[in-house]
Amino acid sequence: LALFSYLQISLPAIADEDSPAMIQAFLGSLSLDDQTGEWDEISDDEVDIEFPSSVPSGGVEAEYAYGGERLRWGINSGGSIAWKSSDTQFSGGFNGETGGTIRIEIDNSLFLGELHLGGFVRGNLGEAVSLYAAAGPMMMYGKHEVEDDEEVVTPSGTVVLTSSDDSDFAFGVYARAGIDFALKNQQFVGIGVRYMKTELDFDKTVGKVDIEGPQLVLTFSAAL
């Protein structure tokens, strides 16, 4: 939050004074299907992780233009959070010599928060519509919690998964694109899609997890 506040204060000082900064709030759904992880307690190989089909999310974007008129370009800073408490399914190979496939469901919660700083381009399609795209590096914090003790029976014995939690920081990349429709007084509504990719290591729970997926959002923007 301190980093995002700094970006909001310092970047306008060197941005194009003729192009006001654009602030955008968004709400949407983050999809994290078909992820993989490493959970040595239950599998010798990678495990497939089926997170909830959608994770509620929201955040704020800021665009500071450095040039252009109908096609503007500049710096994009922002951040978002996503959280859900739900059952998550895991499947992978058994430990031991017996082999086979194991599929379990655990009660858990997942929190993701990220800050990013990249570049953007925005083009006007007439007076009432604009398209935009942005991309760059991001820093993500994640926390995963197994909320209840679970017993998993395998051919080589019973594995007890105790209630635990773990967190991690990681660097990754983000991208966003969308379309805005003008209302009045430099205010806009729109739809967009965001994408994030990184890897978090929840060593005390599911191990290394690929965090990758699209995020469909509804947006409200205003020029400052």
Protein backbone atom coordinates (compact mmCIF):
# COMPACT_ATOMS: atom_id res chain seq x y z
CA LEU A 1 0.00 0.00 0.00
CA ALA A 2 2.84 2.37 0.78
CA LEU A 3 4.44 1.60 -2.60
CA PHE A 4 1.15 2.19 -4.44
CA SER A 5 0.63 5.50 -2.59
CA TYR A 6 4.15 6.58 -3.54
CA LEU A 7 3.51 5.75 -7.19
CA GLN A 8 0.29 7.77 -7.17
CA ILE A 9 2.06 10.80 -5.71
CA SER A 10 5.35 10.80 -7.61
CA LEU A 11 4.42 9.70 -11.14
CA PRO A 12 2.03 12.59 -11.97
CA ALA A 13 4.81 15.06 -11.31
CA ILE A 14 6.59 13.94 -14.49
CA ALA A 15 3.56 12.91 -16.55
CA ASP A 16 2.04 14.94 -19.38
CA GLU A 17 0.12 17.82 -17.76
CA ASP A 18 -2.26 18.03 -20.76
CA SER A 19 -3.39 14.40 -20.25
CA PRO A 20 -5.01 13.89 -16.82
CA ALA A 21 -4.28 10.75 -14.86
CA MET A 22 -6.89 8.00 -15.17
CA ILE A 23 -7.92 6.06 -12.06
CA GLN A 24 -9.82 2.80 -12.53
CA ALA A 25 -11.53 0.59 -9.94
CA PHE A 26 -12.46 -2.95 -10.91
CA LEU A 27 -14.32 -5.98 -9.56
CA GLY A 28 -14.22 -9.41 -11.09
CA SER A 29 -13.53 -13.10 -10.89
CA LEU A 30 -10.08 -14.71 -11.02
CA SER A 31 -9.93 -18.19 -12.62
CA LEU A 32 -7.25 -20.54 -11.27
CA ASP A 33 -8.22 -23.86 -12.87
CA ASP A 34 -5.70 -26.49 -13.98
CA GLN A 35 -2.87 -25.49 -11.64
CA THR A 36 0.04 -27.69 -10.59
CA GLY A 37 1.94 -28.01 -7.33
CA GLU A 38 4.47 -30.11 -5.42
CA TRP A 39 3.15 -31.90 -2.30
CA ASP A 40 5.72 -34.42 -1.15
CA GLU A 41 3.48 -35.84 1.60
CA ILE A 42 0.98 -37.35 -0.84
CA SER A 43 2.70 -37.57 -4.22
CA ASP A 44 6.11 -38.32 -5.72
CA ASP A 45 5.22 -36.27 -8.80
CA GLU A 46 3.47 -32.98 -9.40
CA VAL A 47 -0.13 -32.84 -8.19
CA ASP A 48 -2.99 -31.28 -10.13
CA ILE A 49 -4.80 -28.65 -8.09
CA GLU A 50 -8.38 -27.64 -8.75
CA PHE A 51 -8.98 -24.37 -6.94
CA PRO A 52 -12.54 -22.99 -6.80
CA SER A 53 -13.72 -22.23 -10.34
CA SER A 54 -13.72 -18.51 -9.58
CA VAL A 55 -12.07 -16.40 -6.87
CA PRO A 56 -13.66 -12.98 -6.16
CA SER A 57 -11.19 -10.16 -6.73
CA GLY A 58 -10.90 -6.41 -7.03
CA GLY A 59 -8.39 -3.61 -7.23
CA VAL A 60 -7.31 -0.23 -8.53
CA GLU A 61 -5.35 0.87 -11.62
CA ALA A 62 -3.74 4.23 -12.37
CA GLU A 63 -2.63 5.46 -15.81
CA TYR A 64 -0.25 8.41 -16.19
CA ALA A 65 0.09 9.54 -19.81
CA TYR A 66 3.45 10.78 -21.13
CA GLY A 67 2.45 11.53 -24.70
CA GLY A 68 -0.02 11.10 -27.53
CA GLU A 69 -3.49 12.45 -28.22
CA ARG A 70 -5.82 9.91 -29.84
CA LEU A 71 -3.25 7.22 -28.96
CA ARG A 72 -1.83 7.85 -25.50
CA TRP A 73 0.96 5.94 -23.78
CA GLY A 74 2.58 6.02 -20.37
CA ILE A 75 2.95 4.34 -16.98
CA ASN A 76 0.42 1.97 -15.39
CA SER A 77 0.60 1.27 -11.65
CA GLY A 78 -1.91 -0.63 -9.56
CA GLY A 79 -2.76 -3.53 -7.33
CA SER A 80 -5.41 -6.13 -6.59
CA ILE A 81 -6.53 -8.70 -4.03
CA ALA A 82 -8.34 -12.04 -4.39
CA TRP A 83 -9.63 -14.31 -1.62
CA LYS A 84 -11.85 -17.34 -1.19
CA SER A 85 -12.50 -20.00 1.43
CA SER A 86 -13.69 -23.22 -0.16
CA ASP A 87 -12.98 -26.89 -0.84
CA THR A 88 -10.00 -27.49 -3.12
CA GLN A 89 -9.33 -30.78 -4.91
CA PHE A 90 -5.88 -32.33 -5.38
CA SER A 91 -4.91 -35.35 -7.48
CA GLY A 92 -1.58 -37.03 -8.23
CA GLY A 93 0.47 -40.22 -7.91
CA PHE A 94 0.71 -42.16 -4.65
CA ASN A 95 3.86 -42.19 -2.60
CA GLY A 96 5.53 -45.57 -2.37
CA GLU A 97 5.90 -48.50 -4.75
CA THR A 98 2.20 -49.23 -5.22
CA GLY A 99 1.58 -46.35 -7.61
CA GLY A 100 -1.85 -45.25 -8.70
CA THR A 101 -3.71 -41.98 -8.43
CA ILE A 102 -4.98 -40.16 -5.37
CA ARG A 103 -7.75 -37.57 -5.32
CA ILE A 104 -8.60 -35.66 -2.14
CA GLU A 105 -10.65 -32.62 -1.17
CA ILE A 106 -9.63 -30.30 1.66
CA ASP A 107 -11.23 -27.31 3.34
CA ASN A 108 -8.88 -24.39 2.84
CA SER A 109 -8.59 -20.67 2.12
CA LEU A 110 -6.45 -18.77 -0.38
CA PHE A 111 -5.51 -15.07 -0.31
CA LEU A 112 -3.59 -13.28 -3.08
CA GLY A 113 -2.45 -9.67 -3.15
CA GLU A 114 -0.28 -8.01 -5.79
CA LEU A 115 1.29 -4.68 -6.80
CA HIS A 116 2.47 -3.96 -10.32
CA LEU A 117 4.14 -1.29 -12.44
CA GLY A 118 4.18 -1.41 -16.23
CA GLY A 119 3.40 0.50 -19.39
CA PHE A 120 0.08 1.15 -21.13
CA VAL A 121 -1.36 2.35 -24.43
CA ARG A 122 -4.90 3.75 -24.82
CA GLY A 123 -6.58 4.68 -28.08
CA ASN A 124 -9.83 6.56 -28.72
CA LEU A 125 -12.46 5.16 -31.06
CA GLY A 126 -14.45 8.35 -31.52
CA GLU A 127 -15.58 10.50 -28.60
CA ALA A 128 -17.29 7.85 -26.49
CA VAL A 129 -15.19 4.67 -26.69
CA SER A 130 -11.56 3.86 -25.92
CA LEU A 131 -9.47 0.68 -25.95
CA TYR A 132 -6.46 0.05 -23.73
CA ALA A 133 -3.77 -2.51 -22.99
CA ALA A 134 -0.99 -2.71 -20.40
CA ALA A 135 1.66 -5.13 -19.17
CA GLY A 136 4.69 -5.34 -16.92
CA PRO A 137 6.24 -6.92 -13.82
CA MET A 138 4.38 -7.50 -10.55
CA MET A 139 5.09 -8.58 -6.97
CA MET A 140 2.60 -10.98 -5.36
CA TYR A 141 1.94 -12.02 -1.77
CA GLY A 142 -0.03 -15.20 -1.20
CA LYS A 143 -1.30 -17.08 1.85
CA HIS A 144 -2.74 -20.61 1.83
CA GLU A 145 -4.38 -22.19 4.89
CA VAL A 146 -5.54 -25.76 5.44
CA GLU A 147 -8.36 -25.11 7.90
CA ASP A 148 -9.09 -28.64 9.24
CA ASP A 149 -7.10 -31.83 9.89
CA GLU A 150 -7.53 -34.35 7.07
CA GLU A 151 -6.70 -38.08 6.92
CA VAL A 152 -5.78 -39.43 3.49
CA VAL A 153 -5.71 -43.23 3.11
CA THR A 154 -3.21 -44.54 0.52
CA PRO A 155 -1.97 -48.09 -0.26
CA SER A 156 1.24 -47.29 1.60
CA GLY A 157 -0.51 -45.99 4.72
CA THR A 158 -2.50 -43.09 6.14
CA VAL A 159 -1.23 -39.54 5.69
CA VAL A 160 -2.48 -36.97 8.21
CA LEU A 161 -2.67 -33.44 6.81
CA THR A 162 -2.77 -31.16 9.84
CA SER A 163 -4.30 -27.70 10.00
CA SER A 164 -1.57 -25.33 8.86
CA ASP A 165 -0.86 -22.21 6.84
CA ASP A 166 1.99 -20.70 4.88
CA SER A 167 2.71 -17.54 2.90
CA ASP A 168 5.16 -16.41 0.25
CA PHE A 169 6.27 -13.43 -1.88
CA ALA A 170 7.16 -13.82 -5.54
CA PHE A 171 7.74 -11.76 -8.67
CA GLY A 172 5.78 -12.37 -11.86
CA VAL A 173 4.10 -10.64 -14.77
CA TYR A 174 0.68 -9.13 -15.40
CA ALA A 175 -1.28 -7.91 -18.41
CA ARG A 176 -4.61 -6.16 -18.83
CA ALA A 177 -6.81 -5.01 -21.69
CA GLY A 178 -10.32 -3.67 -22.06
CA ILE A 179 -12.80 -1.24 -23.48
CA ASP A 180 -14.26 1.88 -21.81
CA PHE A 181 -17.50 3.72 -22.62
CA ALA A 182 -17.83 7.41 -21.74
CA LEU A 183 -20.57 8.56 -19.35
CA LYS A 184 -20.10 12.23 -18.48
CA ASN A 185 -17.62 14.51 -16.72
CA GLN A 186 -14.65 12.32 -17.71
CA GLN A 187 -16.17 9.19 -16.17
CA PHE A 188 -16.27 5.78 -17.88
CA VAL A 189 -17.63 2.26 -17.40
CA GLY A 190 -16.20 -0.77 -19.14
CA ILE A 191 -15.27 -4.42 -19.24
CA GLY A 192 -11.82 -5.93 -19.29
CA VAL A 193 -9.63 -8.95 -18.86
CA ARG A 194 -6.51 -9.25 -16.70
CA TYR A 195 -3.86 -11.97 -16.59
CA MET A 196 -1.30 -12.85 -13.91
CA LYS A 197 1.49 -15.41 -13.80
CA THR A 198 3.86 -16.33 -10.98
CA GLU A 199 4.82 -19.23 -8.68
CA LEU A 200 4.30 -19.26 -4.92
CA ASP A 201 5.92 -21.72 -2.51
CA PHE A 202 3.57 -22.75 0.30
CA ASP A 203 6.11 -25.11 1.84
CA LYS A 204 4.01 -25.99 4.93
CA THR A 205 0.88 -26.85 2.93
CA VAL A 206 0.75 -27.62 -0.82
CA GLY A 207 4.33 -26.70 -1.75
CA LYS A 208 5.08 -24.84 -4.97
CA VAL A 209 1.98 -23.71 -6.84
CA ASP A 210 1.67 -22.08 -10.25
CA ILE A 211 -0.58 -19.03 -9.94
CA GLU A 212 -1.73 -18.37 -13.48
CA GLY A 213 -5.04 -17.43 -15.00
CA PRO A 214 -7.36 -14.82 -16.48
CA GLN A 215 -9.53 -12.40 -14.56
CA LEU A 216 -12.73 -10.97 -16.07
CA VAL A 217 -13.61 -7.55 -14.62
CA LEU A 218 -16.16 -4.75 -14.65
CA THR A 219 -14.57 -1.31 -14.40
CA PHE A 220 -15.34 2.28 -13.44
CA SER A 221 -12.81 4.94 -14.43
CA ALA A 222 -12.43 8.66 -13.89
CA ALA A 223 -9.92 11.24 -15.08
CA LEU A 224 -8.31 13.31 -12.33
